[in-house]
């Protein structure tokens, strides 16, 4: 099918609250999880790019925005979908940075990825 000029897509991610396996009252907010996206597959035109790194609200010292994955953060996007058709692969390094007084233990969270097609 023909893709209209000017259409683009973006994948954003957001984490849920971390909940301790042994005590649901113990939680860590998603603002403590950061990521650094990486484009694994080559972009033949440069139209596909990984999103910018996002730090935990506990700074990682890189200068990345200190917002964590509490809101929707960009994982990968295309500048113009008509320029590059096919499959793109991306991953992200995750970093959980919390205050020192967070209780040790096993915690669970879900990262939700959403794909948006926009024009």
PDB file of N, CA and C in Angstrom:
ATOM      1  N   UNK A   1       0.837  -1.176   0.000  1.00  0.00           N
ATOM      2  CA  UNK A   1       0.000   0.000   0.000  1.00  0.00           C
ATOM      3  C   UNK A   1       0.884   1.243   0.000  1.00  0.00           C
ATOM      4  N   UNK A   2       0.372   2.295  -0.542  1.00  0.00           N
ATOM      5  CA  UNK A   2       1.107   3.556  -0.594  1.00  0.00           C
ATOM      6  C   UNK A   2       0.927   4.320   0.715  1.00  0.00           C
ATOM      7  N   UNK A   3       2.024   4.799   1.265  1.00  0.00           N
ATOM      8  CA  UNK A   3       1.983   5.577   2.508  1.00  0.00           C
ATOM      9  C   UNK A   3       2.002   7.047   2.148  1.00  0.00           C
ATOM     10  N   UNK A   4       1.036   7.818   2.619  1.00  0.00           N
ATOM     11  CA  UNK A   4       1.012   9.255   2.306  1.00  0.00           C
ATOM     12  C   UNK A   4       2.252   9.968   2.856  1.00  0.00           C
ATOM     13  N   UNK A   5       2.757  10.923   2.112  1.00  0.00           N
ATOM     14  CA  UNK A   5       3.910  11.707   2.555  1.00  0.00           C
ATOM     15  C   UNK A   5       3.566  12.434   3.849  1.00  0.00           C
ATOM     16  N   UNK A   6       4.550  12.541   4.710  1.00  0.00           N
ATOM     17  CA  UNK A   6       4.369  13.274   5.959  1.00  0.00           C
ATOM     18  C   UNK A   6       3.872  12.439   7.124  1.00  0.00           C
ATOM     19  N   UNK A   7       3.489  11.167   6.904  1.00  0.00           N
ATOM     20  CA  UNK A   7       3.068  10.318   8.006  1.00  0.00           C
ATOM     21  C   UNK A   7       4.300   9.839   8.757  1.00  0.00           C
ATOM     22  N   UNK A   8       4.182   9.718  10.064  1.00  0.00           N
ATOM     23  CA  UNK A   8       5.286   9.199  10.866  1.00  0.00           C
ATOM     24  C   UNK A   8       4.721   8.398  12.025  1.00  0.00           C
ATOM     25  N   UNK A   9       5.585   7.626  12.658  1.00  0.00           N
ATOM     26  CA  UNK A   9       5.157   6.831  13.804  1.00  0.00           C
ATOM     27  C   UNK A   9       6.141   7.020  14.947  1.00  0.00           C
ATOM     28  N   UNK A  10       5.674   6.692  16.129  1.00  0.00           N
ATOM     29  CA  UNK A  10       6.510   6.778  17.324  1.00  0.00           C
ATOM     30  C   UNK A  10       6.091   5.680  18.288  1.00  0.00           C
ATOM     31  N   UNK A  11       7.079   5.114  18.987  1.00  0.00           N
ATOM     32  CA  UNK A  11       6.826   4.146  20.050  1.00  0.00           C
ATOM     33  C   UNK A  11       7.261   4.801  21.355  1.00  0.00           C
ATOM     34  N   UNK A  12       6.345   4.856  22.298  1.00  0.00           N
ATOM     35  CA  UNK A  12       6.641   5.431  23.608  1.00  0.00           C
ATOM     36  C   UNK A  12       6.476   4.350  24.672  1.00  0.00           C
ATOM     37  N   UNK A  13       7.162   4.542  25.795  1.00  0.00           N
ATOM     38  CA  UNK A  13       7.077   3.577  26.878  1.00  0.00           C
ATOM     39  C   UNK A  13       6.793   4.259  28.198  1.00  0.00           C
ATOM     40  N   UNK A  14       6.157   3.515  29.072  1.00  0.00           N
ATOM     41  CA  UNK A  14       5.801   4.002  30.396  1.00  0.00           C
ATOM     42  C   UNK A  14       5.819   2.801  31.333  1.00  0.00           C
ATOM     43  N   UNK A  15       6.390   2.963  32.529  1.00  0.00           N
ATOM     44  CA  UNK A  15       6.459   1.878  33.508  1.00  0.00           C
ATOM     45  C   UNK A  15       5.370   2.030  34.556  1.00  0.00           C
ATOM     46  N   UNK A  16       4.931   0.898  35.073  1.00  0.00           N
ATOM     47  CA  UNK A  16       3.999   0.914  36.198  1.00  0.00           C
ATOM     48  C   UNK A  16       4.806   0.971  37.494  1.00  0.00           C
ATOM     49  N   UNK A  17       4.118   1.169  38.572  1.00  0.00           N
ATOM     50  CA  UNK A  17       4.759   1.185  39.885  1.00  0.00           C
ATOM     51  C   UNK A  17       5.371  -0.190  40.170  1.00  0.00           C
ATOM     52  N   UNK A  18       6.557  -0.216  40.774  1.00  0.00           N
ATOM     53  CA  UNK A  18       7.181  -1.463  41.207  1.00  0.00           C
ATOM     54  C   UNK A  18       6.536  -1.868  42.526  1.00  0.00           C
ATOM     55  N   UNK A  19       6.146  -3.126  42.632  1.00  0.00           N
ATOM     56  CA  UNK A  19       5.511  -3.637  43.847  1.00  0.00           C
ATOM     57  C   UNK A  19       6.344  -4.796  44.365  1.00  0.00           C
ATOM     58  N   UNK A  20       6.626  -4.794  45.665  1.00  0.00           N
ATOM     59  CA  UNK A  20       7.423  -5.854  46.280  1.00  0.00           C
ATOM     60  C   UNK A  20       6.670  -7.178  46.224  1.00  0.00           C
ATOM     61  N   UNK A  21       7.383  -8.256  45.900  1.00  0.00           N
ATOM     62  CA  UNK A  21       6.778  -9.574  45.804  1.00  0.00           C
ATOM     63  C   UNK A  21       6.263 -10.066  47.151  1.00  0.00           C
ATOM     64  N   UNK A  22       6.932  -9.685  48.226  1.00  0.00           N
ATOM     65  CA  UNK A  22       6.559 -10.189  49.549  1.00  0.00           C
ATOM     66  C   UNK A  22       5.605  -9.274  50.323  1.00  0.00           C
ATOM     67  N   UNK A  23       5.416  -8.047  49.849  1.00  0.00           N
ATOM     68  CA  UNK A  23       4.562  -7.101  50.575  1.00  0.00           C
ATOM     69  C   UNK A  23       4.075  -6.024  49.612  1.00  0.00           C
ATOM     70  N   UNK A  24       2.825  -6.125  49.140  1.00  0.00           N
ATOM     71  CA  UNK A  24       2.300  -5.154  48.173  1.00  0.00           C
ATOM     72  C   UNK A  24       2.297  -3.712  48.680  1.00  0.00           C
ATOM     73  N   UNK A  25       2.473  -3.520  49.969  1.00  0.00           N
ATOM     74  CA  UNK A  25       2.532  -2.154  50.508  1.00  0.00           C
ATOM     75  C   UNK A  25       3.876  -1.492  50.223  1.00  0.00           C
ATOM     76  N   UNK A  26       4.907  -2.295  49.916  1.00  0.00           N
ATOM     77  CA  UNK A  26       6.232  -1.748  49.577  1.00  0.00           C
ATOM     78  C   UNK A  26       6.273  -1.495  48.073  1.00  0.00           C
ATOM     79  N   UNK A  27       6.483  -0.248  47.694  1.00  0.00           N
ATOM     80  CA  UNK A  27       6.488   0.113  46.275  1.00  0.00           C
ATOM     81  C   UNK A  27       7.649   1.053  45.953  1.00  0.00           C
ATOM     82  N   UNK A  28       7.967   1.091  44.670  1.00  0.00           N
ATOM     83  CA  UNK A  28       8.943   2.038  44.123  1.00  0.00           C
ATOM     84  C   UNK A  28       8.261   2.663  42.910  1.00  0.00           C
ATOM     85  N   UNK A  29       8.227   3.972  42.850  1.00  0.00           N
ATOM     86  CA  UNK A  29       7.557   4.657  41.742  1.00  0.00           C
ATOM     87  C   UNK A  29       8.301   4.492  40.423  1.00  0.00           C
ATOM     88  N   UNK A  30       7.579   4.569  39.293  1.00  0.00           N
ATOM     89  CA  UNK A  30       8.194   4.433  37.977  1.00  0.00           C
ATOM     90  C   UNK A  30       9.164   5.566  37.642  1.00  0.00           C
ATOM     91  N   UNK A  31       9.099   6.661  38.396  1.00  0.00           N
ATOM     92  CA  UNK A  31      10.026   7.768  38.154  1.00  0.00           C
ATOM     93  C   UNK A  31      11.471   7.403  38.512  1.00  0.00           C
ATOM     94  N   UNK A  32      11.665   6.258  39.159  1.00  0.00           N
ATOM     95  CA  UNK A  32      13.015   5.810  39.518  1.00  0.00           C
ATOM     96  C   UNK A  32      13.647   4.917  38.447  1.00  0.00           C
ATOM     97  N   UNK A  33      12.895   4.614  37.377  1.00  0.00           N
ATOM     98  CA  UNK A  33      13.411   3.786  36.293  1.00  0.00           C
ATOM     99  C   UNK A  33      13.743   4.667  35.092  1.00  0.00           C
ATOM    100  N   UNK A  34      14.977   4.610  34.634  1.00  0.00           N
ATOM    101  CA  UNK A  34      15.385   5.341  33.437  1.00  0.00           C
ATOM    102  C   UNK A  34      15.750   4.380  32.325  1.00  0.00           C
ATOM    103  N   UNK A  35      15.947   4.916  31.121  1.00  0.00           N
ATOM    104  CA  UNK A  35      16.389   4.066  30.014  1.00  0.00           C
ATOM    105  C   UNK A  35      17.236   4.839  29.025  1.00  0.00           C
ATOM    106  N   UNK A  36      17.974   4.066  28.245  1.00  0.00           N
ATOM    107  CA  UNK A  36      18.783   4.619  27.158  1.00  0.00           C
ATOM    108  C   UNK A  36      18.497   3.776  25.921  1.00  0.00           C
ATOM    109  N   UNK A  37      17.624   4.271  25.022  1.00  0.00           N
ATOM    110  CA  UNK A  37      17.253   3.509  23.825  1.00  0.00           C
ATOM    111  C   UNK A  37      18.414   3.377  22.824  1.00  0.00           C
ATOM    112  N   UNK A  38      18.416   2.241  22.112  1.00  0.00           N
ATOM    113  CA  UNK A  38      19.420   1.962  21.078  1.00  0.00           C
ATOM    114  C   UNK A  38      18.725   1.389  19.852  1.00  0.00           C
ATOM    115  N   UNK A  39      19.018   1.930  18.680  1.00  0.00           N
ATOM    116  CA  UNK A  39      18.515   1.369  17.430  1.00  0.00           C
ATOM    117  C   UNK A  39      19.441   0.209  17.064  1.00  0.00           C
ATOM    118  N   UNK A  40      18.894  -0.999  16.979  1.00  0.00           N
ATOM    119  CA  UNK A  40      19.698  -2.190  16.675  1.00  0.00           C
ATOM    120  C   UNK A  40      19.855  -2.367  15.174  1.00  0.00           C
ATOM    121  N   UNK A  41      18.746  -2.216  14.434  1.00  0.00           N
ATOM    122  CA  UNK A  41      18.813  -2.357  12.983  1.00  0.00           C
ATOM    123  C   UNK A  41      19.238  -1.032  12.372  1.00  0.00           C
ATOM    124  N   UNK A  42      19.929  -1.110  11.255  1.00  0.00           N
ATOM    125  CA  UNK A  42      20.361   0.110  10.579  1.00  0.00           C
ATOM    126  C   UNK A  42      19.169   0.782   9.899  1.00  0.00           C
ATOM    127  N   UNK A  43      19.157   2.080   9.935  1.00  0.00           N
ATOM    128  CA  UNK A  43      18.149   2.857   9.223  1.00  0.00           C
ATOM    129  C   UNK A  43      18.759   3.216   7.874  1.00  0.00           C
ATOM    130  N   UNK A  44      18.188   2.676   6.801  1.00  0.00           N
ATOM    131  CA  UNK A  44      18.765   2.898   5.471  1.00  0.00           C
ATOM    132  C   UNK A  44      18.706   4.362   5.043  1.00  0.00           C
ATOM    133  N   UNK A  45      17.749   5.116   5.563  1.00  0.00           N
ATOM    134  CA  UNK A  45      17.601   6.518   5.159  1.00  0.00           C
ATOM    135  C   UNK A  45      17.889   7.503   6.284  1.00  0.00           C
ATOM    136  N   UNK A  46      18.016   6.994   7.506  1.00  0.00           N
ATOM    137  CA  UNK A  46      18.175   7.879   8.661  1.00  0.00           C
ATOM    138  C   UNK A  46      16.853   8.397   9.183  1.00  0.00           C
ATOM    139  N   UNK A  47      15.740   7.909   8.608  1.00  0.00           N
ATOM    140  CA  UNK A  47      14.421   8.374   9.026  1.00  0.00           C
ATOM    141  C   UNK A  47      13.987   7.763  10.357  1.00  0.00           C
ATOM    142  N   UNK A  48      14.597   6.633  10.751  1.00  0.00           N
ATOM    143  CA  UNK A  48      14.254   5.977  12.021  1.00  0.00           C
ATOM    144  C   UNK A  48      15.356   6.275  13.026  1.00  0.00           C
ATOM    145  N   UNK A  49      14.957   6.684  14.219  1.00  0.00           N
ATOM    146  CA  UNK A  49      15.952   7.032  15.247  1.00  0.00           C
ATOM    147  C   UNK A  49      15.459   6.624  16.626  1.00  0.00           C
ATOM    148  N   UNK A  50      16.398   6.243  17.468  1.00  0.00           N
ATOM    149  CA  UNK A  50      16.094   5.917  18.858  1.00  0.00           C
ATOM    150  C   UNK A  50      15.799   7.202  19.628  1.00  0.00           C
ATOM    151  N   UNK A  51      14.998   7.087  20.675  1.00  0.00           N
ATOM    152  CA  UNK A  51      14.699   8.223  21.531  1.00  0.00           C
ATOM    153  C   UNK A  51      15.896   8.607  22.385  1.00  0.00           C
ATOM    154  N   UNK A  52      15.776   9.710  23.058  1.00  0.00           N
ATOM    155  CA  UNK A  52      16.847  10.200  23.928  1.00  0.00           C
ATOM    156  C   UNK A  52      16.808   9.471  25.272  1.00  0.00           C
ATOM    157  N   UNK A  53      17.959   9.369  25.947  1.00  0.00           N
ATOM    158  CA  UNK A  53      17.979   8.749  27.278  1.00  0.00           C
ATOM    159  C   UNK A  53      17.141   9.547  28.277  1.00  0.00           C
ATOM    160  N   UNK A  54      16.596   8.837  29.247  1.00  0.00           N
ATOM    161  CA  UNK A  54      15.838   9.426  30.346  1.00  0.00           C
ATOM    162  C   UNK A  54      16.412   8.848  31.630  1.00  0.00           C
ATOM    163  N   UNK A  55      16.776   9.719  32.563  1.00  0.00           N
ATOM    164  CA  UNK A  55      17.339   9.296  33.846  1.00  0.00           C
ATOM    165  C   UNK A  55      16.231   9.131  34.875  1.00  0.00           C
ATOM    166  N   UNK A  56      16.529   8.357  35.890  1.00  0.00           N
ATOM    167  CA  UNK A  56      15.684   8.302  37.082  1.00  0.00           C
ATOM    168  C   UNK A  56      15.645   9.702  37.691  1.00  0.00           C
ATOM    169  N   UNK A  57      14.697   9.948  38.584  1.00  0.00           N
ATOM    170  CA  UNK A  57      14.685  11.217  39.304  1.00  0.00           C
ATOM    171  C   UNK A  57      15.896  11.323  40.232  1.00  0.00           C
ATOM    172  N   UNK A  58      16.563  10.196  40.460  1.00  0.00           N
ATOM    173  CA  UNK A  58      17.854  10.201  41.140  1.00  0.00           C
ATOM    174  C   UNK A  58      18.877  10.268  40.009  1.00  0.00           C
ATOM    175  N   UNK A  59      19.488  11.410  39.827  1.00  0.00           N
ATOM    176  CA  UNK A  59      20.343  11.672  38.661  1.00  0.00           C
ATOM    177  C   UNK A  59      21.406  10.606  38.448  1.00  0.00           C
ATOM    178  N   UNK A  60      21.619  10.287  37.162  1.00  0.00           N
ATOM    179  CA  UNK A  60      22.700   9.362  36.821  1.00  0.00           C
ATOM    180  C   UNK A  60      23.957  10.120  36.391  1.00  0.00           C
ATOM    181  N   UNK A  61      23.909  11.439  36.449  1.00  0.00           N
ATOM    182  CA  UNK A  61      25.068  12.260  36.131  1.00  0.00           C
ATOM    183  C   UNK A  61      25.305  12.501  34.658  1.00  0.00           C
ATOM    184  N   UNK A  62      24.421  12.029  33.782  1.00  0.00           N
ATOM    185  CA  UNK A  62      24.630  12.178  32.336  1.00  0.00           C
ATOM    186  C   UNK A  62      24.024  13.450  31.771  1.00  0.00           C
ATOM    187  N   UNK A  63      23.186  14.109  32.542  1.00  0.00           N
ATOM    188  CA  UNK A  63      22.503  15.292  32.033  1.00  0.00           C
ATOM    189  C   UNK A  63      21.183  14.966  31.360  1.00  0.00           C
ATOM    190  N   UNK A  64      20.820  13.666  31.306  1.00  0.00           N
ATOM    191  CA  UNK A  64      19.530  13.279  30.721  1.00  0.00           C
ATOM    192  C   UNK A  64      18.412  13.811  31.607  1.00  0.00           C
ATOM    193  N   UNK A  65      17.255  14.098  31.012  1.00  0.00           N
ATOM    194  CA  UNK A  65      16.127  14.569  31.819  1.00  0.00           C
ATOM    195  C   UNK A  65      15.845  13.603  32.971  1.00  0.00           C
ATOM    196  N   UNK A  66      15.632  14.123  34.158  1.00  0.00           N
ATOM    197  CA  UNK A  66      15.448  13.312  35.363  1.00  0.00           C
ATOM    198  C   UNK A  66      13.965  13.147  35.655  1.00  0.00           C
ATOM    199  N   UNK A  67      13.291  12.384  34.782  1.00  0.00           N
ATOM    200  CA  UNK A  67      11.847  12.197  34.914  1.00  0.00           C
ATOM    201  C   UNK A  67      11.442  10.733  35.056  1.00  0.00           C
ATOM    202  N   UNK A  68      12.342   9.818  34.746  1.00  0.00           N
ATOM    203  CA  UNK A  68      12.013   8.399  34.795  1.00  0.00           C
ATOM    204  C   UNK A  68      10.962   8.029  33.759  1.00  0.00           C
ATOM    205  N   UNK A  69      10.431   6.811  33.894  1.00  0.00           N
ATOM    206  CA  UNK A  69       9.429   6.326  32.946  1.00  0.00           C
ATOM    207  C   UNK A  69       8.018   6.439  33.529  1.00  0.00           C
ATOM    208  N   UNK A  70       7.788   7.503  34.280  1.00  0.00           N
ATOM    209  CA  UNK A  70       6.471   7.752  34.872  1.00  0.00           C
ATOM    210  C   UNK A  70       5.466   8.152  33.791  1.00  0.00           C
ATOM    211  N   UNK A  71       5.900   8.966  32.844  1.00  0.00           N
ATOM    212  CA  UNK A  71       5.054   9.385  31.722  1.00  0.00           C
ATOM    213  C   UNK A  71       5.495   8.664  30.468  1.00  0.00           C
ATOM    214  N   UNK A  72       4.895   8.987  29.362  1.00  0.00           N
ATOM    215  CA  UNK A  72       5.257   8.358  28.096  1.00  0.00           C
ATOM    216  C   UNK A  72       6.552   8.969  27.573  1.00  0.00           C
ATOM    217  N   UNK A  73       7.585   8.133  27.464  1.00  0.00           N
ATOM    218  CA  UNK A  73       8.886   8.574  26.963  1.00  0.00           C
ATOM    219  C   UNK A  73       9.175   7.889  25.636  1.00  0.00           C
ATOM    220  N   UNK A  74       9.814   8.615  24.724  1.00  0.00           N
ATOM    221  CA  UNK A  74      10.066   8.119  23.365  1.00  0.00           C
ATOM    222  C   UNK A  74      11.116   7.019  23.347  1.00  0.00           C
ATOM    223  N   UNK A  75      10.754   5.870  22.758  1.00  0.00           N
ATOM    224  CA  UNK A  75      11.693   4.770  22.561  1.00  0.00           C
ATOM    225  C   UNK A  75      12.302   4.842  21.160  1.00  0.00           C
ATOM    226  N   UNK A  76      11.469   5.011  20.138  1.00  0.00           N
ATOM    227  CA  UNK A  76      11.931   5.065  18.751  1.00  0.00           C
ATOM    228  C   UNK A  76      10.865   5.773  17.909  1.00  0.00           C
ATOM    229  N   UNK A  77      11.310   6.414  16.817  1.00  0.00           N
ATOM    230  CA  UNK A  77      10.359   7.088  15.935  1.00  0.00           C
ATOM    231  C   UNK A  77      10.897   7.142  14.516  1.00  0.00           C
ATOM    232  N   UNK A  78       9.995   7.467  13.597  1.00  0.00           N
ATOM    233  CA  UNK A  78      10.411   7.698  12.208  1.00  0.00           C
ATOM    234  C   UNK A  78      10.039   9.124  11.842  1.00  0.00           C
ATOM    235  N   UNK A  79      10.895   9.765  11.082  1.00  0.00           N
ATOM    236  CA  UNK A  79      10.637  11.141  10.656  1.00  0.00           C
ATOM    237  C   UNK A  79       9.582  11.175   9.555  1.00  0.00           C
ATOM    238  N   UNK A  80       9.598  10.211   8.639  1.00  0.00           N
ATOM    239  CA  UNK A  80       8.634  10.135   7.552  1.00  0.00           C
ATOM    240  C   UNK A  80       8.505   8.678   7.152  1.00  0.00           C
ATOM    241  N   UNK A  81       7.371   8.079   7.440  1.00  0.00           N
ATOM    242  CA  UNK A  81       7.160   6.648   7.194  1.00  0.00           C
ATOM    243  C   UNK A  81       7.329   6.266   5.733  1.00  0.00           C
ATOM    244  N   UNK A  82       7.063   7.174   4.828  1.00  0.00           N
ATOM    245  CA  UNK A  82       7.195   6.864   3.404  1.00  0.00           C
ATOM    246  C   UNK A  82       8.653   6.721   2.996  1.00  0.00           C
ATOM    247  N   UNK A  83       9.587   7.308   3.748  1.00  0.00           N
ATOM    248  CA  UNK A  83      11.009   7.235   3.410  1.00  0.00           C
ATOM    249  C   UNK A  83      11.618   5.874   3.702  1.00  0.00           C
ATOM    250  N   UNK A  84      11.091   5.170   4.696  1.00  0.00           N
ATOM    251  CA  UNK A  84      11.701   3.899   5.092  1.00  0.00           C
ATOM    252  C   UNK A  84      10.614   2.913   5.488  1.00  0.00           C
ATOM    253  N   UNK A  85      10.440   1.897   4.656  1.00  0.00           N
ATOM    254  CA  UNK A  85       9.422   0.875   4.891  1.00  0.00           C
ATOM    255  C   UNK A  85      10.140  -0.412   5.245  1.00  0.00           C
ATOM    256  N   UNK A  86       9.660  -1.091   6.274  1.00  0.00           N
ATOM    257  CA  UNK A  86      10.270  -2.351   6.672  1.00  0.00           C
ATOM    258  C   UNK A  86      10.227  -2.510   8.171  1.00  0.00           C
ATOM    259  N   UNK A  87      11.186  -3.267   8.679  1.00  0.00           N
ATOM    260  CA  UNK A  87      11.239  -3.579  10.102  1.00  0.00           C
ATOM    261  C   UNK A  87      12.380  -2.827  10.763  1.00  0.00           C
ATOM    262  N   UNK A  88      12.111  -2.273  11.920  1.00  0.00           N
ATOM    263  CA  UNK A  88      13.154  -1.614  12.723  1.00  0.00           C
ATOM    264  C   UNK A  88      13.212  -2.306  14.069  1.00  0.00           C
ATOM    265  N   UNK A  89      14.431  -2.503  14.572  1.00  0.00           N
ATOM    266  CA  UNK A  89      14.608  -3.134  15.874  1.00  0.00           C
ATOM    267  C   UNK A  89      15.281  -2.155  16.813  1.00  0.00           C
ATOM    268  N   UNK A  90      14.763  -2.101  18.043  1.00  0.00           N
ATOM    269  CA  UNK A  90      15.291  -1.188  19.042  1.00  0.00           C
ATOM    270  C   UNK A  90      15.268  -1.903  20.395  1.00  0.00           C
ATOM    271  N   UNK A  91      16.199  -1.533  21.261  1.00  0.00           N
ATOM    272  CA  UNK A  91      16.152  -1.990  22.642  1.00  0.00           C
ATOM    273  C   UNK A  91      16.551  -0.824  23.530  1.00  0.00           C
ATOM    274  N   UNK A  92      16.597  -1.052  24.827  1.00  0.00           N
ATOM    275  CA  UNK A  92      16.967   0.027  25.740  1.00  0.00           C
ATOM    276  C   UNK A  92      17.668  -0.561  26.960  1.00  0.00           C
ATOM    277  N   UNK A  93      18.723   0.112  27.393  1.00  0.00           N
ATOM    278  CA  UNK A  93      19.355  -0.215  28.671  1.00  0.00           C
ATOM    279  C   UNK A  93      18.467   0.400  29.747  1.00  0.00           C
ATOM    280  N   UNK A  94      18.122  -0.383  30.755  1.00  0.00           N
ATOM    281  CA  UNK A  94      17.296   0.100  31.853  1.00  0.00           C
ATOM    282  C   UNK A  94      18.161   0.326  33.082  1.00  0.00           C
ATOM    283  N   UNK A  95      17.842   1.356  33.852  1.00  0.00           N
ATOM    284  CA  UNK A  95      18.580   1.641  35.085  1.00  0.00           C
ATOM    285  C   UNK A  95      17.599   2.071  36.166  1.00  0.00           C
ATOM    286  N   UNK A  96      17.554   1.293  37.246  1.00  0.00           N
ATOM    287  CA  UNK A  96      16.719   1.622  38.392  1.00  0.00           C
ATOM    288  C   UNK A  96      17.610   2.281  39.431  1.00  0.00           C
ATOM    289  N   UNK A  97      17.383   3.563  39.671  1.00  0.00           N
ATOM    290  CA  UNK A  97      18.169   4.335  40.638  1.00  0.00           C
ATOM    291  C   UNK A  97      17.214   4.871  41.698  1.00  0.00           C
ATOM    292  N   UNK A  98      17.383   4.390  42.912  1.00  0.00           N
ATOM    293  CA  UNK A  98      16.475   4.756  44.005  1.00  0.00           C
ATOM    294  C   UNK A  98      17.262   5.374  45.151  1.00  0.00           C
ATOM    295  N   UNK A  99      16.552   6.005  46.090  1.00  0.00           N
ATOM    296  CA  UNK A  99      17.223   6.458  47.305  1.00  0.00           C
ATOM    297  C   UNK A  99      17.769   5.239  48.066  1.00  0.00           C
ATOM    298  N   UNK A 100      18.777   5.453  48.885  1.00  0.00           N
ATOM    299  CA  UNK A 100      19.427   4.361  49.620  1.00  0.00           C
ATOM    300  C   UNK A 100      18.499   3.697  50.630  1.00  0.00           C
ATOM    301  N   UNK A 101      17.450   4.377  51.069  1.00  0.00           N
ATOM    302  CA  UNK A 101      16.581   3.804  52.098  1.00  0.00           C
ATOM    303  C   UNK A 101      15.452   2.925  51.554  1.00  0.00           C
ATOM    304  N   UNK A 102      15.432   2.630  50.249  1.00  0.00           N
ATOM    305  CA  UNK A 102      14.419   1.742  49.688  1.00  0.00           C
ATOM    306  C   UNK A 102      14.704   0.317  50.171  1.00  0.00           C
ATOM    307  N   UNK A 103      13.669  -0.361  50.643  1.00  0.00           N
ATOM    308  CA  UNK A 103      13.826  -1.723  51.159  1.00  0.00           C
ATOM    309  C   UNK A 103      14.281  -2.674  50.058  1.00  0.00           C
ATOM    310  N   UNK A 104      15.289  -3.485  50.375  1.00  0.00           N
ATOM    311  CA  UNK A 104      15.786  -4.481  49.429  1.00  0.00           C
ATOM    312  C   UNK A 104      14.723  -5.553  49.225  1.00  0.00           C
ATOM    313  N   UNK A 105      14.746  -6.190  48.078  1.00  0.00           N
ATOM    314  CA  UNK A 105      13.809  -7.274  47.818  1.00  0.00           C
ATOM    315  C   UNK A 105      13.496  -7.400  46.349  1.00  0.00           C
ATOM    316  N   UNK A 106      12.569  -8.292  46.057  1.00  0.00           N
ATOM    317  CA  UNK A 106      12.133  -8.547  44.685  1.00  0.00           C
ATOM    318  C   UNK A 106      10.921  -7.673  44.390  1.00  0.00           C
ATOM    319  N   UNK A 107      11.011  -6.873  43.339  1.00  0.00           N
ATOM    320  CA  UNK A 107       9.934  -5.974  42.937  1.00  0.00           C
ATOM    321  C   UNK A 107       9.535  -6.290  41.497  1.00  0.00           C
ATOM    322  N   UNK A 108       8.275  -6.034  41.163  1.00  0.00           N
ATOM    323  CA  UNK A 108       7.772  -6.278  39.816  1.00  0.00           C
ATOM    324  C   UNK A 108       7.126  -5.013  39.260  1.00  0.00           C
ATOM    325  N   UNK A 109       7.346  -4.778  37.967  1.00  0.00           N
ATOM    326  CA  UNK A 109       6.754  -3.653  37.260  1.00  0.00           C
ATOM    327  C   UNK A 109       6.486  -4.092  35.829  1.00  0.00           C
ATOM    328  N   UNK A 110       5.631  -3.372  35.157  1.00  0.00           N
ATOM    329  CA  UNK A 110       5.347  -3.631  33.745  1.00  0.00           C
ATOM    330  C   UNK A 110       5.678  -2.378  32.939  1.00  0.00           C
ATOM    331  N   UNK A 111       6.385  -2.576  31.831  1.00  0.00           N
ATOM    332  CA  UNK A 111       6.628  -1.475  30.906  1.00  0.00           C
ATOM    333  C   UNK A 111       5.657  -1.653  29.745  1.00  0.00           C
ATOM    334  N   UNK A 112       4.847  -0.634  29.515  1.00  0.00           N
ATOM    335  CA  UNK A 112       3.878  -0.663  28.426  1.00  0.00           C
ATOM    336  C   UNK A 112       4.418   0.168  27.272  1.00  0.00           C
ATOM    337  N   UNK A 113       4.489  -0.450  26.095  1.00  0.00           N
ATOM    338  CA  UNK A 113       4.917   0.247  24.884  1.00  0.00           C
ATOM    339  C   UNK A 113       3.702   0.506  24.004  1.00  0.00           C
ATOM    340  N   UNK A 114       3.619   1.717  23.480  1.00  0.00           N
ATOM    341  CA  UNK A 114       2.494   2.098  22.619  1.00  0.00           C
ATOM    342  C   UNK A 114       3.026   2.652  21.307  1.00  0.00           C
ATOM    343  N   UNK A 115       2.436   2.219  20.210  1.00  0.00           N
ATOM    344  CA  UNK A 115       2.810   2.683  18.876  1.00  0.00           C
ATOM    345  C   UNK A 115       1.753   3.663  18.393  1.00  0.00           C
ATOM    346  N   UNK A 116       2.194   4.835  17.956  1.00  0.00           N
ATOM    347  CA  UNK A 116       1.287   5.853  17.440  1.00  0.00           C
ATOM    348  C   UNK A 116       1.673   6.185  16.002  1.00  0.00           C
ATOM    349  N   UNK A 117       0.708   6.177  15.117  1.00  0.00           N
ATOM    350  CA  UNK A 117       0.891   6.611  13.734  1.00  0.00           C
ATOM    351  C   UNK A 117       0.267   7.993  13.621  1.00  0.00           C
ATOM    352  N   UNK A 118       1.055   8.954  13.183  1.00  0.00           N
ATOM    353  CA  UNK A 118       0.553  10.322  13.129  1.00  0.00           C
ATOM    354  C   UNK A 118       0.862  10.938  11.767  1.00  0.00           C
ATOM    355  N   UNK A 119       0.100  11.935  11.432  1.00  0.00           N
ATOM    356  CA  UNK A 119       0.353  12.638  10.174  1.00  0.00           C
ATOM    357  C   UNK A 119       0.255  14.114  10.400  1.00  0.00           C
TER     358      UNK A 119
END
